[in-house]
Amino acid sequence: MAYTAKNYDHLKGGALKGLSDSQLDQHFGLYKGYVTKLNEIEERLATVDNTKPNYSYNEYSELKRREAVAFNGSFLHELYFENLGADNQISAGLKAALDAAGGQEKVLADLKACALGGPGWALLTRNRRDGKLHTYFVAEHHLGMPIEQDLLLVVDSWEHAYMVDYGTARPKYLDIIPENIKWSEVSKRFGK
């Protein structure tokens, strides 16, 4: 199955506060690159010899090591772009979960603190084990991803997400994220 990059041009033209079209175009291009590489890796995996995998080096082994990078890089970006759009339509269930976690402001402050932990991803999840909301920082697409989580809100805190508009001022970029959250999408994910 070949994956197709989605079009997020509806986020341009001032739809998001504090993110220019130039910033978004560069970010969309990087996302499309992940999708392209994912397709290349999967196409090669369909034909490569998998009978002699090796830790030191083997083509199959290398492709398998990079597959999760391209896969997660593709789909974390999709989740990020899809939870942007600035609306305040929070479902009753999500509101109750946010309140149980100390309130929307506290949860968003914790998510921002996670994102300031370094370049990577800040995630708001619902833990399937305890049913509670959690925030996590993931430094790379394929390392440290917590299991048994429903991804609700994804924030890209890699430099490519904000450098055009904010230079190295990650905190200023993160200040505008709450104003750009599409809570209806986060609520939809919570409801699944």
Protein backbone atom coordinates (compact mmCIF):
# COMPACT_ATOMS: atom_id res chain seq x y z
CA MET A 1 0.00 0.00 0.00
CA ALA A 2 1.40 3.36 -0.94
CA TYR A 3 0.71 6.23 1.43
CA THR A 4 -0.36 9.60 0.09
CA ALA A 5 0.56 12.86 1.79
CA LYS A 6 -2.51 14.82 2.81
CA ASN A 7 -3.06 18.43 1.84
CA TYR A 8 -3.21 20.90 4.73
CA ASP A 9 -3.31 24.12 2.71
CA HIS A 10 -6.54 25.07 4.52
CA LEU A 11 -4.31 25.99 7.48
CA LYS A 12 -2.66 28.75 5.42
CA GLY A 13 -3.90 32.24 4.63
CA GLY A 14 -4.16 33.39 8.23
CA ALA A 15 -6.15 30.41 9.50
CA LEU A 16 -3.59 29.96 12.29
CA LYS A 17 -2.38 32.67 14.61
CA GLY A 18 1.38 33.24 14.54
CA LEU A 19 2.27 30.73 11.81
CA SER A 20 3.06 32.20 8.40
CA ASP A 21 2.36 30.54 5.07
CA SER A 22 6.11 30.32 4.53
CA GLN A 23 6.53 28.44 7.82
CA LEU A 24 3.65 26.11 7.01
CA ASP A 25 4.87 25.44 3.44
CA GLN A 26 8.27 24.37 4.72
CA HIS A 27 6.71 22.18 7.37
CA PHE A 28 4.32 20.58 4.86
CA GLY A 29 7.31 19.85 2.60
CA LEU A 30 9.17 18.09 5.41
CA TYR A 31 6.06 16.02 6.19
CA LYS A 32 5.72 15.02 2.53
CA GLY A 33 9.34 13.89 2.64
CA TYR A 34 8.53 11.47 5.47
CA VAL A 35 5.64 10.02 3.47
CA THR A 36 7.89 9.61 0.41
CA LYS A 37 10.57 7.84 2.46
CA LEU A 38 7.98 5.59 4.11
CA ASN A 39 6.79 4.48 0.69
CA GLU A 40 10.38 3.89 -0.48
CA ILE A 41 11.18 1.83 2.61
CA GLU A 42 8.04 -0.29 2.35
CA GLU A 43 8.60 -0.85 -1.38
CA ARG A 44 12.17 -2.00 -0.73
CA LEU A 45 11.12 -4.20 2.22
CA ALA A 46 8.77 -6.09 -0.10
CA THR A 47 11.72 -7.35 -2.14
CA VAL A 48 14.82 -7.30 0.07
CA ASP A 49 16.34 -10.55 1.38
CA ASN A 50 15.36 -10.97 5.03
CA THR A 51 17.17 -14.26 5.65
CA LYS A 52 20.36 -12.80 7.17
CA PRO A 53 19.43 -9.90 9.47
CA ASN A 54 22.36 -8.54 11.41
CA TYR A 55 22.87 -5.91 14.10
CA SER A 56 26.08 -4.57 12.55
CA TYR A 57 24.72 -4.19 9.04
CA ASN A 58 22.25 -5.78 6.71
CA GLU A 59 20.00 -3.98 4.24
CA TYR A 60 16.85 -5.55 5.65
CA SER A 61 17.90 -4.69 9.22
CA GLU A 62 18.63 -1.07 8.31
CA LEU A 63 15.31 -0.69 6.53
CA LYS A 64 13.46 -2.11 9.54
CA ARG A 65 15.34 0.27 11.88
CA ARG A 66 14.31 3.30 9.78
CA GLU A 67 10.76 2.18 9.02
CA ALA A 68 9.40 3.43 12.36
CA VAL A 69 11.12 6.81 11.86
CA ALA A 70 9.37 7.38 8.54
CA PHE A 71 6.06 5.91 9.73
CA ASN A 72 5.85 7.91 12.94
CA GLY A 73 7.28 10.99 11.24
CA SER A 74 4.48 10.82 8.70
CA PHE A 75 1.60 10.19 11.04
CA LEU A 76 2.67 12.35 14.00
CA HIS A 77 2.76 15.24 11.53
CA GLU A 78 -0.74 14.38 10.33
CA LEU A 79 -2.03 14.30 13.89
CA TYR A 80 -0.32 17.65 14.58
CA PHE A 81 -1.72 19.38 11.48
CA GLU A 82 -5.17 17.90 12.09
CA ASN A 83 -5.32 19.19 15.68
CA LEU A 84 -4.64 22.74 14.46
CA GLY A 85 -7.50 25.00 13.46
CA ALA A 86 -8.56 27.05 16.47
CA ASP A 87 -11.96 26.14 17.79
CA ASN A 88 -13.26 25.76 21.33
CA GLN A 89 -15.61 22.82 20.79
CA ILE A 90 -14.60 20.63 23.72
CA SER A 91 -16.80 17.61 24.34
CA ALA A 92 -18.25 17.03 27.79
CA GLY A 93 -16.14 13.87 28.18
CA LEU A 94 -12.88 15.62 27.32
CA LYS A 95 -13.78 18.57 29.56
CA ALA A 96 -14.38 16.19 32.46
CA ALA A 97 -11.02 14.48 31.83
CA LEU A 98 -9.24 17.86 31.64
CA ASP A 99 -10.92 18.94 34.88
CA ALA A 100 -9.88 15.69 36.58
CA ALA A 101 -6.29 16.43 35.52
CA GLY A 102 -6.37 19.89 37.11
CA GLY A 103 -8.09 21.84 34.35
CA GLN A 104 -7.42 22.82 30.76
CA GLU A 105 -4.89 25.55 31.65
CA LYS A 106 -2.87 23.21 33.88
CA VAL A 107 -2.82 20.48 31.24
CA LEU A 108 -1.74 22.92 28.51
CA ALA A 109 0.97 24.36 30.81
CA ASP A 110 2.28 20.86 31.37
CA LEU A 111 2.17 20.11 27.65
CA LYS A 112 4.17 23.29 26.98
CA ALA A 113 6.69 22.31 29.65
CA CYS A 114 7.06 18.92 27.94
CA ALA A 115 7.63 20.62 24.58
CA LEU A 116 10.31 22.84 26.10
CA GLY A 117 12.21 19.72 27.16
CA GLY A 118 13.95 19.64 23.80
CA PRO A 119 13.35 19.21 20.13
CA GLY A 120 10.78 16.50 19.59
CA TRP A 121 7.11 15.93 20.27
CA ALA A 122 4.85 16.82 23.17
CA LEU A 123 1.87 14.50 23.48
CA LEU A 124 -1.37 14.69 25.40
CA THR A 125 -2.69 11.16 25.73
CA ARG A 126 -5.33 9.12 27.45
CA ASN A 127 -3.61 6.23 29.15
CA ARG A 128 -5.51 3.01 28.43
CA ARG A 129 -4.31 1.48 31.72
CA ASP A 130 -5.53 4.14 34.15
CA GLY A 131 -7.93 6.08 31.89
CA LYS A 132 -6.30 9.39 32.84
CA LEU A 133 -4.77 12.13 30.75
CA HIS A 134 -0.98 12.20 30.58
CA THR A 135 1.59 14.37 28.87
CA TYR A 136 4.77 12.92 27.42
CA PHE A 137 7.86 14.22 25.68
CA VAL A 138 9.23 12.09 22.86
CA ALA A 139 12.62 13.17 21.53
CA GLU A 140 12.54 11.18 18.32
CA HIS A 141 9.73 9.71 16.27
CA HIS A 142 10.68 6.12 16.94
CA LEU A 143 12.22 6.23 20.43
CA GLY A 144 10.42 6.53 23.72
CA MET A 145 6.88 6.39 22.35
CA PRO A 146 4.73 5.33 25.31
CA ILE A 147 2.58 2.26 24.73
CA GLU A 148 -1.09 1.84 25.68
CA GLN A 149 -1.89 5.48 24.89
CA ASP A 150 -4.53 7.18 22.78
CA LEU A 151 -2.87 10.19 21.18
CA LEU A 152 -5.20 13.15 21.69
CA LEU A 153 -3.13 16.28 21.07
CA VAL A 154 0.23 16.33 19.31
CA VAL A 155 2.60 19.32 19.37
CA ASP A 156 5.63 19.40 17.11
CA SER A 157 8.46 21.07 19.03
CA TRP A 158 11.18 20.38 16.48
CA GLU A 159 12.83 23.54 15.15
CA HIS A 160 11.35 23.04 11.69
CA ALA A 161 7.90 23.73 13.15
CA TYR A 162 8.74 27.32 14.11
CA MET A 163 12.20 28.51 12.92
CA VAL A 164 10.94 30.60 9.98
CA ASP A 165 8.65 32.62 12.25
CA TYR A 166 10.40 32.46 15.62
CA GLY A 167 14.06 31.66 15.07
CA THR A 168 15.27 29.85 18.17
CA ALA A 169 12.45 31.22 20.38
CA ARG A 170 10.63 27.94 21.01
CA PRO A 171 8.71 29.42 24.00
CA LYS A 172 7.13 32.11 21.78
CA TYR A 173 6.01 29.44 19.30
CA LEU A 174 4.56 27.35 22.12
CA ASP A 175 2.69 30.40 23.44
CA ILE A 176 0.59 30.48 20.26
CA ILE A 177 -0.20 26.76 20.18
CA PRO A 178 -3.14 26.91 22.65
CA GLU A 179 -4.77 29.57 20.45
CA ASN A 180 -4.49 27.24 17.45
CA ILE A 181 -5.83 24.01 18.93
CA LYS A 182 -8.79 22.48 17.16
CA TRP A 183 -10.54 21.15 20.24
CA SER A 184 -13.24 19.50 18.16
CA GLU A 185 -10.55 17.21 16.69
CA VAL A 186 -9.05 16.49 20.13
CA SER A 187 -12.57 15.72 21.40
CA LYS A 188 -13.18 13.40 18.47
CA ARG A 189 -9.99 11.47 19.27
CA PHE A 190 -10.98 11.35 22.95
CA GLY A 191 -14.41 9.95 22.01
CA LYS A 192 -13.01 7.01 20.06
